[in-house]
N, C-alpha and C. Protein backbone atom coordinates (compact mmCIF):
# COMPACT_ATOMS: atom_id res chain seq x y z
N MET A 1 131.97 -16.02 185.08
CA MET A 1 131.53 -15.77 187.02
C MET A 1 133.16 -15.43 187.40
N THR A 2 133.60 -14.73 188.57
CA THR A 2 134.51 -13.76 188.81
C THR A 2 134.98 -14.72 189.84
N THR A 3 136.09 -15.26 189.64
CA THR A 3 136.51 -15.60 191.55
C THR A 3 136.08 -15.42 192.71
N GLU A 4 136.14 -14.23 192.77
CA GLU A 4 135.69 -13.00 194.14
C GLU A 4 133.59 -13.95 194.20
N THR A 5 132.85 -13.82 193.30
CA THR A 5 131.75 -14.78 193.30
C THR A 5 131.52 -15.85 193.36
N VAL A 6 132.77 -16.66 192.80
CA VAL A 6 132.85 -18.16 193.10
C VAL A 6 133.43 -18.47 194.49
N ARG A 7 134.33 -17.45 194.72
CA ARG A 7 134.81 -17.92 196.52
C ARG A 7 133.90 -17.22 197.38
N SER A 8 132.34 -16.32 197.22
CA SER A 8 131.30 -16.32 197.86
C SER A 8 130.96 -16.88 198.08
N ASP A 9 130.23 -17.70 196.98
CA ASP A 9 129.37 -18.82 196.74
C ASP A 9 129.54 -19.93 197.65
N HIS A 10 130.56 -19.95 197.64
CA HIS A 10 131.64 -21.07 198.35
C HIS A 10 132.10 -20.91 199.95
N HIS A 11 131.84 -19.48 200.02
CA HIS A 11 131.30 -19.09 201.12
C HIS A 11 130.25 -19.51 202.32
N HIS A 12 129.68 -19.00 200.90
CA HIS A 12 127.53 -19.05 201.04
C HIS A 12 126.85 -20.36 201.27
N HIS A 13 127.96 -21.15 200.97
CA HIS A 13 127.52 -22.97 200.89
C HIS A 13 128.09 -23.77 202.47
N HIS A 14 129.03 -23.40 202.64
CA HIS A 14 129.73 -23.54 203.52
C HIS A 14 129.08 -23.08 204.72
N LEU A 15 128.99 -22.32 204.32
CA LEU A 15 128.41 -21.35 206.00
C LEU A 15 126.42 -21.97 206.21
N ALA A 16 126.27 -22.18 204.87
CA ALA A 16 124.87 -23.44 205.20
C ALA A 16 125.00 -24.50 205.39
N ILE A 17 125.55 -25.05 205.08
CA ILE A 17 125.97 -26.85 205.98
C ILE A 17 126.27 -26.56 206.64
N THR A 18 127.59 -25.81 206.60
CA THR A 18 127.93 -25.71 208.49
C THR A 18 126.68 -25.92 209.20
N THR A 19 126.45 -24.74 209.38
CA THR A 19 125.23 -24.63 209.81
C THR A 19 123.76 -25.74 210.13
N PHE A 20 123.85 -26.23 209.38
CA PHE A 20 122.70 -27.59 209.27
C PHE A 20 123.23 -29.08 209.97
N VAL A 21 124.88 -28.82 210.01
CA VAL A 21 125.37 -29.90 210.49
C VAL A 21 125.12 -29.45 211.86
N SER A 22 125.55 -28.59 212.80
CA SER A 22 125.13 -28.08 213.83
C SER A 22 124.21 -28.21 214.28
N ARG A 23 123.15 -27.85 213.61
CA ARG A 23 121.84 -27.71 213.70
C ARG A 23 121.05 -29.83 213.97
N PHE A 24 121.93 -30.50 212.66
CA PHE A 24 120.95 -31.43 212.82
C PHE A 24 121.46 -32.46 214.23
N PHE A 25 123.23 -32.07 215.18
CA PHE A 25 123.52 -33.12 216.04
C PHE A 25 122.79 -31.91 217.21
N ARG A 26 122.90 -31.24 217.23
CA ARG A 26 122.10 -30.11 218.86
C ARG A 26 119.88 -31.21 218.69
N SER A 27 120.39 -31.20 217.24
CA SER A 27 118.39 -31.14 217.28
C SER A 27 119.14 -32.99 217.92
N LEU A 28 119.24 -33.41 218.18
CA LEU A 28 119.62 -35.54 218.14
C LEU A 28 119.23 -35.38 219.60
N ASP A 29 119.02 -34.30 220.43
CA ASP A 29 119.70 -34.01 221.79
C ASP A 29 118.08 -32.48 222.60
N VAL A 30 117.98 -31.98 222.00
CA VAL A 30 117.01 -31.03 222.31
C VAL A 30 115.69 -31.63 221.29
N GLY A 31 114.24 -30.72 222.11
CA GLY A 31 113.65 -31.29 220.34
C GLY A 31 113.17 -32.74 220.92
N LYS A 32 112.09 -31.99 219.67
CA LYS A 32 110.61 -33.13 219.57
C LYS A 32 111.32 -34.20 218.10
N ILE A 33 111.90 -35.35 218.37
CA ILE A 33 112.70 -35.97 217.33
C ILE A 33 110.77 -36.74 216.56
N ASP A 34 110.29 -36.41 215.73
CA ASP A 34 109.51 -36.71 214.55
C ASP A 34 109.35 -36.86 213.30
N GLU A 35 108.16 -36.88 212.99
CA GLU A 35 108.04 -36.46 211.64
C GLU A 35 108.17 -35.63 211.41
N ALA A 36 107.77 -34.20 211.39
CA ALA A 36 108.32 -32.65 211.33
C ALA A 36 110.04 -32.76 211.82
N TRP A 37 110.90 -33.10 212.37
CA TRP A 37 111.93 -33.27 212.23
C TRP A 37 112.41 -34.35 211.40
N ALA A 38 111.92 -35.30 211.49
CA ALA A 38 112.27 -36.03 210.15
C ALA A 38 112.15 -35.65 208.85
N ARG A 39 111.51 -34.93 208.35
CA ARG A 39 111.10 -34.01 206.94
C ARG A 39 112.18 -33.23 207.09
N GLU A 40 112.38 -32.62 207.91
CA GLU A 40 113.42 -30.94 208.33
C GLU A 40 114.52 -31.79 208.19
N TYR A 41 115.12 -32.58 208.46
CA TYR A 41 116.41 -33.15 208.03
C TYR A 41 117.04 -34.37 206.38
N PHE A 42 115.71 -35.28 206.28
CA PHE A 42 115.68 -36.13 205.44
C PHE A 42 115.50 -35.71 204.19
N THR A 43 116.29 -36.28 203.30
CA THR A 43 115.34 -36.41 201.82
C THR A 43 114.21 -37.82 202.45
N GLU A 44 113.38 -37.73 201.38
CA GLU A 44 112.19 -38.85 201.39
C GLU A 44 113.39 -40.57 201.19
N ASP A 45 113.43 -40.81 200.48
CA ASP A 45 114.52 -41.50 200.10
C ASP A 45 116.13 -41.61 200.76
N VAL A 46 116.16 -41.64 202.24
CA VAL A 46 117.69 -41.12 202.86
C VAL A 46 117.84 -42.33 203.11
N ARG A 47 119.55 -42.62 203.21
CA ARG A 47 120.19 -44.29 203.38
C ARG A 47 121.49 -43.70 204.69
N GLU A 48 121.00 -44.35 205.89
CA GLU A 48 121.87 -44.34 206.58
C GLU A 48 122.48 -45.10 207.82
N ARG A 49 123.76 -44.85 208.10
CA ARG A 49 124.99 -46.98 208.59
C ARG A 49 125.63 -46.12 209.73
N THR A 50 125.00 -46.85 210.73
CA THR A 50 125.17 -46.40 211.69
C THR A 50 126.11 -47.30 213.19
N PRO A 51 126.86 -47.42 213.76
CA PRO A 51 127.43 -48.68 214.56
C PRO A 51 126.76 -49.49 215.45
N ILE A 52 124.77 -48.99 215.23
CA ILE A 52 123.83 -49.82 216.30
C ILE A 52 122.81 -49.54 214.81
N GLY A 53 123.07 -50.18 213.54
CA GLY A 53 122.35 -50.63 213.03
C GLY A 53 121.72 -49.36 211.29
N ASP A 54 121.45 -50.30 210.14
CA ASP A 54 121.53 -49.19 208.81
C ASP A 54 120.06 -49.05 208.55
N SER A 55 119.54 -48.49 208.54
CA SER A 55 118.03 -47.64 207.80
C SER A 55 117.59 -46.84 206.35
N GLU A 56 116.67 -47.89 206.11
CA GLU A 56 116.29 -46.82 204.04
C GLU A 56 115.77 -46.03 204.67
N GLY A 57 115.33 -44.95 204.24
CA GLY A 57 113.61 -44.19 203.51
C GLY A 57 113.83 -43.66 205.18
N ARG A 58 112.83 -42.11 204.89
CA ARG A 58 112.38 -41.33 205.95
C ARG A 58 112.06 -41.84 207.46
N ASP A 59 111.12 -42.31 207.03
CA ASP A 59 110.44 -42.94 208.40
C ASP A 59 110.74 -44.20 209.37
N ALA A 60 111.51 -44.99 208.75
CA ALA A 60 112.94 -46.24 209.26
C ALA A 60 113.93 -45.37 209.68
N VAL A 61 114.59 -44.35 209.41
CA VAL A 61 115.63 -43.44 210.37
C VAL A 61 115.47 -42.78 211.13
N LEU A 62 113.95 -42.47 210.69
CA LEU A 62 112.97 -42.03 212.42
C LEU A 62 112.91 -42.85 213.30
N ARG A 63 112.22 -44.40 213.42
CA ARG A 63 112.00 -44.93 214.18
C ARG A 63 113.82 -45.44 214.66
N HIS A 64 114.35 -45.80 213.56
CA HIS A 64 115.13 -46.04 214.15
C HIS A 64 116.25 -44.62 215.15
N THR A 65 116.14 -43.58 214.72
CA THR A 65 116.53 -42.81 215.92
C THR A 65 115.76 -42.35 216.82
N VAL A 66 114.66 -42.52 217.07
CA VAL A 66 113.54 -42.66 218.43
C VAL A 66 114.02 -43.86 219.33
N GLU A 67 114.17 -45.41 218.39
CA GLU A 67 114.67 -46.44 219.36
C GLU A 67 115.88 -46.44 219.82
N ALA A 68 117.42 -45.47 218.94
CA ALA A 68 118.22 -45.61 219.31
C ALA A 68 118.36 -44.40 220.78
N LEU A 69 117.74 -43.17 220.67
CA LEU A 69 118.24 -41.88 221.30
C LEU A 69 117.38 -42.94 222.70
N GLY A 70 116.05 -43.33 222.85
CA GLY A 70 115.25 -43.78 223.78
C GLY A 70 116.15 -44.80 224.87
N ARG A 71 117.81 -45.31 224.35
CA ARG A 71 118.23 -46.12 225.10
C ARG A 71 118.85 -45.67 226.53
N PHE A 72 118.77 -44.25 226.08
CA PHE A 72 119.80 -43.12 227.22
C PHE A 72 118.72 -42.00 228.03
N ALA A 73 119.18 -41.93 228.71
CA ALA A 73 118.86 -39.97 229.41
C ALA A 73 119.03 -39.25 229.17
N ARG A 74 119.87 -39.05 228.68
CA ARG A 74 120.56 -37.80 228.14
C ARG A 74 121.49 -38.39 227.36
N THR A 75 121.57 -37.25 225.97
CA THR A 75 123.09 -37.19 225.09
C THR A 75 123.55 -36.07 224.85
N GLN A 76 124.70 -36.38 224.36
CA GLN A 76 125.00 -34.88 223.50
C GLN A 76 125.75 -35.29 222.49
N HIS A 77 125.47 -34.49 221.38
CA HIS A 77 126.43 -34.34 219.75
C HIS A 77 126.81 -33.74 219.82
N MET A 78 128.32 -34.01 218.90
CA MET A 78 128.86 -32.69 218.82
C MET A 78 130.04 -32.77 217.16
N ALA A 79 129.27 -31.99 216.33
CA ALA A 79 130.23 -31.95 215.16
C ALA A 79 131.19 -30.63 214.88
N THR A 80 132.77 -31.63 214.71
CA THR A 80 133.76 -30.20 214.43
C THR A 80 134.29 -31.11 213.24
N ASP A 81 135.49 -29.29 212.73
CA ASP A 81 135.67 -29.86 211.51
C ASP A 81 135.10 -30.22 210.65
N VAL A 82 133.92 -29.65 210.08
CA VAL A 82 133.30 -29.70 208.99
C VAL A 82 134.38 -29.43 207.80
N VAL A 83 133.76 -29.89 207.03
CA VAL A 83 134.83 -29.77 205.51
C VAL A 83 133.66 -30.17 204.33
N SER A 84 133.19 -29.28 203.55
CA SER A 84 132.01 -30.07 202.90
C SER A 84 132.44 -28.88 201.20
N GLU A 85 131.86 -29.75 200.03
CA GLU A 85 131.96 -29.86 198.68
C GLU A 85 131.12 -29.30 198.07
N VAL A 86 130.98 -29.12 197.21
CA VAL A 86 129.94 -28.78 196.59
C VAL A 86 129.76 -29.28 195.45
N THR A 87 128.92 -30.24 195.22
CA THR A 87 128.75 -31.22 193.69
C THR A 87 127.46 -30.37 193.09
N GLU A 88 127.28 -31.17 191.94
CA GLU A 88 126.95 -30.78 190.48
C GLU A 88 125.53 -29.38 190.97
N GLY A 89 126.76 -28.90 190.60
CA GLY A 89 126.11 -26.90 190.11
C GLY A 89 126.05 -26.37 191.38
N GLY A 90 125.61 -27.10 192.70
CA GLY A 90 125.02 -26.34 193.64
C GLY A 90 123.82 -27.42 194.36
N ALA A 91 123.09 -28.85 193.74
CA ALA A 91 122.32 -28.72 193.84
C ALA A 91 122.53 -30.96 195.27
N ALA A 92 124.01 -29.95 195.15
CA ALA A 92 124.32 -31.98 196.18
C ALA A 92 125.69 -31.16 196.92
N ALA A 93 125.95 -31.94 198.33
CA ALA A 93 126.88 -31.74 198.75
C ALA A 93 128.01 -32.97 199.17
N VAL A 94 129.27 -33.00 199.31
CA VAL A 94 129.14 -34.27 200.53
C VAL A 94 130.25 -32.99 201.63
N VAL A 95 129.59 -33.99 202.60
CA VAL A 95 129.92 -33.23 203.62
C VAL A 95 130.81 -34.27 204.78
N SER A 96 132.69 -33.77 205.24
CA SER A 96 133.14 -34.65 206.33
C SER A 96 132.95 -34.69 207.74
N CYS A 97 132.88 -34.82 208.64
CA CYS A 97 133.28 -33.84 210.18
C CYS A 97 134.07 -35.08 211.03
N ASN A 98 134.29 -34.23 211.95
CA ASN A 98 134.85 -34.95 213.71
C ASN A 98 132.86 -35.14 213.93
N ALA A 99 133.66 -36.59 215.50
CA ALA A 99 132.05 -36.02 215.60
C ALA A 99 132.14 -36.62 217.37
N LEU A 100 131.56 -36.34 218.02
CA LEU A 100 132.01 -36.38 219.74
C LEU A 100 130.48 -36.67 219.88
N MET A 101 129.71 -38.29 220.67
CA MET A 101 128.63 -38.62 221.29
C MET A 101 128.81 -38.90 222.43
N THR A 102 128.33 -38.21 223.11
CA THR A 102 127.88 -38.79 224.86
C THR A 102 126.75 -39.57 225.49
N HIS A 103 126.81 -40.42 225.37
CA HIS A 103 125.90 -40.64 225.98
C HIS A 103 125.47 -41.67 227.65
N VAL A 104 124.31 -40.43 228.08
CA VAL A 104 124.30 -41.18 229.28
C VAL A 104 123.44 -42.28 230.12
N HIS A 105 123.51 -42.88 230.74
CA HIS A 105 122.54 -44.47 230.75
C HIS A 105 121.46 -44.29 231.40
N HIS A 106 120.40 -44.25 232.11
CA HIS A 106 119.57 -44.31 233.16
C HIS A 106 120.24 -45.04 234.45
N ASP A 107 121.04 -45.31 233.82
CA ASP A 107 121.64 -45.09 235.99
C ASP A 107 122.40 -44.88 235.62
N GLY A 108 123.12 -43.32 234.81
CA GLY A 108 123.59 -42.02 235.19
C GLY A 108 124.87 -42.82 234.83
N THR A 109 125.61 -43.67 234.14
CA THR A 109 127.46 -43.92 233.58
C THR A 109 126.58 -43.50 232.29
N VAL A 110 128.65 -43.70 231.30
CA VAL A 110 128.14 -42.52 230.27
C VAL A 110 129.31 -43.58 229.64
N PHE A 111 128.46 -43.73 228.53
CA PHE A 111 128.87 -43.71 227.31
C PHE A 111 129.34 -42.86 225.86
N THR A 112 130.74 -43.03 225.48
CA THR A 112 131.19 -41.85 224.48
C THR A 112 131.93 -42.44 223.32
N VAL A 113 131.48 -41.77 222.18
CA VAL A 113 132.18 -42.59 221.12
C VAL A 113 132.82 -41.49 219.97
N GLY A 114 133.79 -41.77 220.00
CA GLY A 114 134.28 -40.20 218.95
C GLY A 114 134.39 -41.47 217.51
N GLY A 115 134.55 -39.90 216.33
CA GLY A 115 134.09 -41.41 214.94
C GLY A 115 133.91 -39.90 214.05
N HIS A 116 133.90 -40.18 212.94
CA HIS A 116 133.96 -39.73 211.53
C HIS A 116 132.71 -39.61 211.20
N CYS A 117 131.67 -39.15 210.37
CA CYS A 117 130.74 -38.75 210.05
C CYS A 117 130.92 -37.90 207.59
N ARG A 118 130.11 -38.54 206.99
CA ARG A 118 130.32 -38.84 205.65
C ARG A 118 129.37 -38.81 205.32
N THR A 119 128.87 -37.84 204.61
CA THR A 119 126.96 -37.55 204.64
C THR A 119 127.64 -36.25 203.49
N GLU A 120 126.46 -37.20 202.70
CA GLU A 120 125.50 -36.46 201.19
C GLU A 120 124.59 -36.19 201.10
N LEU A 121 123.97 -34.93 200.95
CA LEU A 121 123.32 -33.88 201.43
C LEU A 121 122.83 -33.61 199.56
N ARG A 122 121.69 -33.40 200.19
CA ARG A 122 120.94 -32.76 198.80
C ARG A 122 120.07 -31.39 198.96
N ARG A 123 120.34 -30.65 198.56
CA ARG A 123 119.84 -28.93 198.71
C ARG A 123 118.03 -29.40 197.89
N THR A 124 117.15 -29.22 198.45
CA THR A 124 115.81 -29.48 198.28
C THR A 124 114.88 -27.61 198.23
N PRO A 125 113.92 -27.31 197.84
CA PRO A 125 113.75 -26.27 197.65
C PRO A 125 113.16 -25.57 199.24
N ASP A 126 112.91 -26.51 200.46
CA ASP A 126 112.64 -25.94 201.42
C ASP A 126 114.78 -26.10 202.48
N GLY A 127 116.10 -26.39 201.44
CA GLY A 127 117.12 -26.02 201.93
C GLY A 127 117.65 -27.23 202.21
N TRP A 128 118.59 -27.62 202.08
CA TRP A 128 119.62 -29.44 202.43
C TRP A 128 119.10 -29.71 203.27
N ARG A 129 118.79 -31.53 203.35
CA ARG A 129 118.63 -32.36 203.10
C ARG A 129 119.36 -33.93 203.05
N ILE A 130 119.90 -34.31 204.28
CA ILE A 130 120.68 -35.08 204.58
C ILE A 130 119.80 -36.51 203.32
N ARG A 131 120.75 -36.89 201.88
CA ARG A 131 120.61 -38.04 201.60
C ARG A 131 121.22 -39.32 202.00
N ASP A 132 122.67 -39.28 202.14
CA ASP A 132 123.23 -41.06 202.77
C ASP A 132 123.58 -39.92 203.57
N THR A 133 124.23 -41.02 204.78
CA THR A 133 125.20 -40.87 206.06
C THR A 133 125.92 -42.15 206.25
N ALA A 134 126.74 -41.87 206.60
CA ALA A 134 127.37 -43.13 207.01
C ALA A 134 128.54 -42.28 208.50
N VAL A 135 128.36 -43.01 210.22
CA VAL A 135 129.65 -43.18 210.80
C VAL A 135 130.32 -44.61 211.15
N GLU A 136 131.59 -43.48 211.05
CA GLU A 136 132.05 -44.49 211.84
C GLU A 136 133.15 -44.24 212.76
N VAL A 137 132.95 -45.73 213.73
CA VAL A 137 133.72 -45.23 215.04
C VAL A 137 135.22 -45.27 214.84
N ILE A 138 135.91 -44.18 215.93
CA ILE A 138 137.41 -44.47 215.50
C ILE A 138 137.71 -44.81 217.32
N TRP A 139 136.92 -44.33 218.20
CA TRP A 139 137.07 -45.02 219.59
C TRP A 139 136.09 -44.89 220.80
N THR A 140 135.61 -46.02 221.88
CA THR A 140 134.53 -46.03 222.24
C THR A 140 135.37 -45.43 223.85
N GLN A 141 134.17 -44.95 224.92
CA GLN A 141 134.92 -45.11 226.34
C GLN A 141 133.64 -45.43 226.69
N GLY A 142 133.30 -46.25 227.94
CA GLY A 142 132.80 -46.81 228.10
C GLY A 142 131.45 -48.04 228.57
N ARG A 143 130.00 -48.09 228.88
CA ARG A 143 129.82 -49.70 228.03
C ARG A 143 128.20 -49.05 227.45
N PRO A 144 128.26 -49.75 225.68
CA PRO A 144 127.43 -49.50 224.98
C PRO A 144 126.25 -49.85 226.16
N PRO A 145 125.22 -49.83 224.84
CA PRO A 145 123.91 -50.21 225.28
C PRO A 145 124.25 -51.24 224.68
N ALA A 146 122.97 -52.21 225.59
CA ALA A 146 122.53 -53.40 225.43
C ALA A 146 122.33 -54.05 223.92
N GLY A 147 122.86 -55.08 223.54
CA GLY A 147 122.80 -55.29 222.13
C GLY A 147 123.43 -54.87 220.94
N VAL A 148 124.28 -53.95 221.97
CA VAL A 148 125.48 -53.09 221.00
C VAL A 148 126.88 -53.29 221.37
N GLY A 149 127.66 -53.31 220.26
CA GLY A 149 128.54 -54.83 220.31
C GLY A 149 128.57 -55.85 220.70
N GLY A 150 128.35 -56.88 221.12
CA GLY A 150 128.02 -57.66 221.85
C GLY A 150 128.18 -57.75 223.04
N GLN A 151 127.23 -56.50 223.63
CA GLN A 151 126.41 -57.10 224.78
C GLN A 151 124.92 -57.78 224.32
N ALA A 152 125.03 -58.16 225.63
CA ALA A 152 123.70 -58.42 226.03
C ALA A 152 122.59 -57.67 225.89
N GLU A 153 121.14 -58.50 225.36
CA GLU A 153 120.21 -57.76 226.26
C GLU A 153 120.07 -57.78 227.51
């Protein structure tokens, strides 16, 4: 394998992974969060760690996501500075990115979170899927939803 082939493979993987991450973040704000959505983005044995709770398994992540997004009237999720390292001969990747997550409460007030995401992807016959992901909060502004961060229900 030539250096140029390796470089080309790296760019191909990085573009596919960056596109996948962007599509995932955008999907949280538009479209339907259902079983088809969960299959499009997660492995069956996915593990997720977020500031509002942890989930294991695709069905649990789906329920958790529907519940979390349902707390808000609108949301906007953005990922930047995506860095990826393909491992296991192209079968997996470790991805990190910065995340800006804006949430509009039903009363119109805004709660914003800035953080880092670290994610392990697996390549499947259908493309990249999230196998493990963790969100690390760096800062927040505004009132978190009830039951999060010490807020009363």
